[in-house]
Amino acid sequence: DSAEIERLIAALDDRDLDTRTAAADQLIQRYAASAPALERAIELLAPGSFGRLQGGRIQVLRFLNGSQLSAWSPVQRAQVAEAVLRLRGAIESGRWKATEAARTELERLSQRVSA
């Protein structure tokens, strides 16, 4: 499972949109409650990591929105809440020109971690 999770996490930022979308879908279907998958996805929200993503930003958000919140640790919830605030700031300052779909996913994620 570890190798498959790594493959799917890497595929979230593939050049091909269909590959990115399929990776997020598979992560949601098979690893929504997986601590290692959640940990890897949350790592991608870190300042340096998220900035390096190309097309995968929305897919990371989609996976986290599709994951089982009950599988998140309190630390992970706090990390995601902090990342949401930082990403909102990046949008507001123009550092991240997020699509409307990405903004929607970010707001969904914000609601999940504040619930």
Protein backbone atom coordinates (compact mmCIF):
# COMPACT_ATOMS: atom_id res chain seq x y z
CA ASP A 1 0.00 0.00 0.00
CA SER A 2 2.83 2.40 0.80
CA ALA A 3 4.23 2.30 -2.74
CA GLU A 4 0.74 2.72 -4.21
CA ILE A 5 0.04 5.71 -1.96
CA GLU A 6 3.33 7.30 -3.01
CA ARG A 7 2.51 6.68 -6.68
CA LEU A 8 -0.93 8.25 -6.35
CA ILE A 9 0.35 11.22 -4.34
CA ALA A 10 2.98 11.87 -7.02
CA ALA A 11 0.31 11.53 -9.72
CA LEU A 12 -1.71 14.34 -8.12
CA ASP A 13 0.71 16.72 -9.85
CA ASP A 14 1.13 14.86 -13.14
CA ARG A 15 1.24 16.91 -16.34
CA ASP A 16 -1.93 15.21 -17.57
CA LEU A 17 -5.21 16.48 -16.08
CA ASP A 18 -6.93 13.09 -16.41
CA THR A 19 -4.07 11.42 -14.54
CA ARG A 20 -4.26 14.02 -11.75
CA THR A 21 -8.02 13.67 -11.43
CA ALA A 22 -7.87 9.86 -11.48
CA ALA A 23 -5.20 9.87 -8.76
CA ALA A 24 -7.36 12.04 -6.49
CA ASP A 25 -10.38 9.85 -7.19
CA GLN A 26 -8.43 6.67 -6.36
CA LEU A 27 -7.04 8.18 -3.17
CA ILE A 28 -10.57 9.13 -2.10
CA GLN A 29 -11.99 5.70 -2.96
CA ARG A 30 -9.20 3.57 -1.49
CA TYR A 31 -7.31 5.66 1.05
CA ALA A 32 -9.81 8.14 2.53
CA ALA A 33 -9.03 6.89 6.04
CA SER A 34 -5.35 6.09 5.50
CA ALA A 35 -3.02 7.85 7.92
CA PRO A 36 -0.03 7.61 5.52
CA ALA A 37 -2.04 9.04 2.59
CA LEU A 38 -3.36 11.88 4.73
CA GLU A 39 0.11 12.62 6.07
CA ARG A 40 1.60 12.80 2.57
CA ALA A 41 -1.22 15.02 1.28
CA ILE A 42 -0.93 17.36 4.26
CA GLU A 43 2.83 17.57 3.66
CA LEU A 44 2.00 18.92 0.19
CA LEU A 45 0.23 21.87 1.83
CA ALA A 46 3.50 23.03 3.41
CA PRO A 47 4.72 26.40 2.05
CA GLY A 48 7.61 25.05 -0.03
CA SER A 49 5.75 22.00 -1.29
CA PHE A 50 2.49 23.70 -2.29
CA GLY A 51 4.36 26.38 -4.18
CA ARG A 52 6.13 23.77 -6.30
CA LEU A 53 2.92 22.04 -7.35
CA GLN A 54 1.76 22.84 -10.86
CA GLY A 55 -1.68 21.44 -11.68
CA GLY A 56 -1.93 19.34 -8.55
CA ARG A 57 -3.02 21.96 -6.06
CA ILE A 58 -6.73 21.41 -6.56
CA GLN A 59 -6.28 17.63 -6.51
CA VAL A 60 -4.60 17.75 -3.10
CA LEU A 61 -7.52 19.82 -1.82
CA ARG A 62 -10.01 17.42 -3.44
CA PHE A 63 -8.42 14.41 -1.74
CA LEU A 64 -8.40 16.09 1.66
CA ASN A 65 -12.05 17.09 1.20
CA GLY A 66 -12.91 13.52 0.23
CA SER A 67 -11.01 11.94 3.10
CA GLN A 68 -12.59 10.77 6.34
CA LEU A 69 -12.23 13.57 8.85
CA SER A 70 -12.42 11.02 11.67
CA ALA A 71 -9.06 9.65 10.48
CA TRP A 72 -7.32 13.00 10.98
CA SER A 73 -5.30 13.59 14.11
CA PRO A 74 -5.72 16.86 16.05
CA VAL A 75 -2.26 17.88 14.83
CA GLN A 76 -3.27 17.26 11.21
CA ARG A 77 -6.42 19.33 11.65
CA ALA A 78 -4.32 22.17 13.04
CA GLN A 79 -1.81 21.87 10.18
CA VAL A 80 -4.59 22.03 7.60
CA ALA A 81 -6.30 24.94 9.35
CA GLU A 82 -3.02 26.87 9.29
CA ALA A 83 -2.49 25.97 5.62
CA VAL A 84 -6.00 27.19 4.74
CA LEU A 85 -5.26 30.59 6.31
CA ARG A 86 -1.93 30.80 4.48
CA LEU A 87 -3.48 29.81 1.15
CA ARG A 88 -6.28 32.35 1.57
CA GLY A 89 -3.60 34.97 2.14
CA ALA A 90 -1.78 33.84 -0.99
CA ILE A 91 -4.99 34.25 -2.99
CA GLU A 92 -5.74 37.67 -1.50
CA SER A 93 -2.20 38.92 -2.17
CA GLY A 94 -2.18 37.54 -5.72
CA ARG A 95 0.64 35.08 -5.05
CA TRP A 96 -1.73 32.22 -5.93
CA LYS A 97 -4.03 32.83 -8.86
CA ALA A 98 -6.43 30.09 -7.83
CA THR A 99 -9.21 29.00 -10.15
CA GLU A 100 -12.79 29.25 -8.96
CA ALA A 101 -12.83 25.47 -8.50
CA ALA A 102 -9.69 25.63 -6.34
CA ARG A 103 -11.21 28.43 -4.26
CA THR A 104 -14.32 26.31 -3.75
CA GLU A 105 -12.24 23.31 -2.63
CA LEU A 106 -10.25 25.53 -0.27
CA GLU A 107 -13.45 26.90 1.30
CA ARG A 108 -14.85 23.37 1.67
CA LEU A 109 -11.63 22.37 3.41
CA SER A 110 -11.84 25.41 5.66
CA GLN A 111 -15.36 24.43 6.70
CA ARG A 112 -14.25 20.86 7.41
CA VAL A 113 -11.39 21.80 9.71
CA SER A 114 -13.41 24.43 11.57
CA ALA A 115 -16.39 22.12 12.17
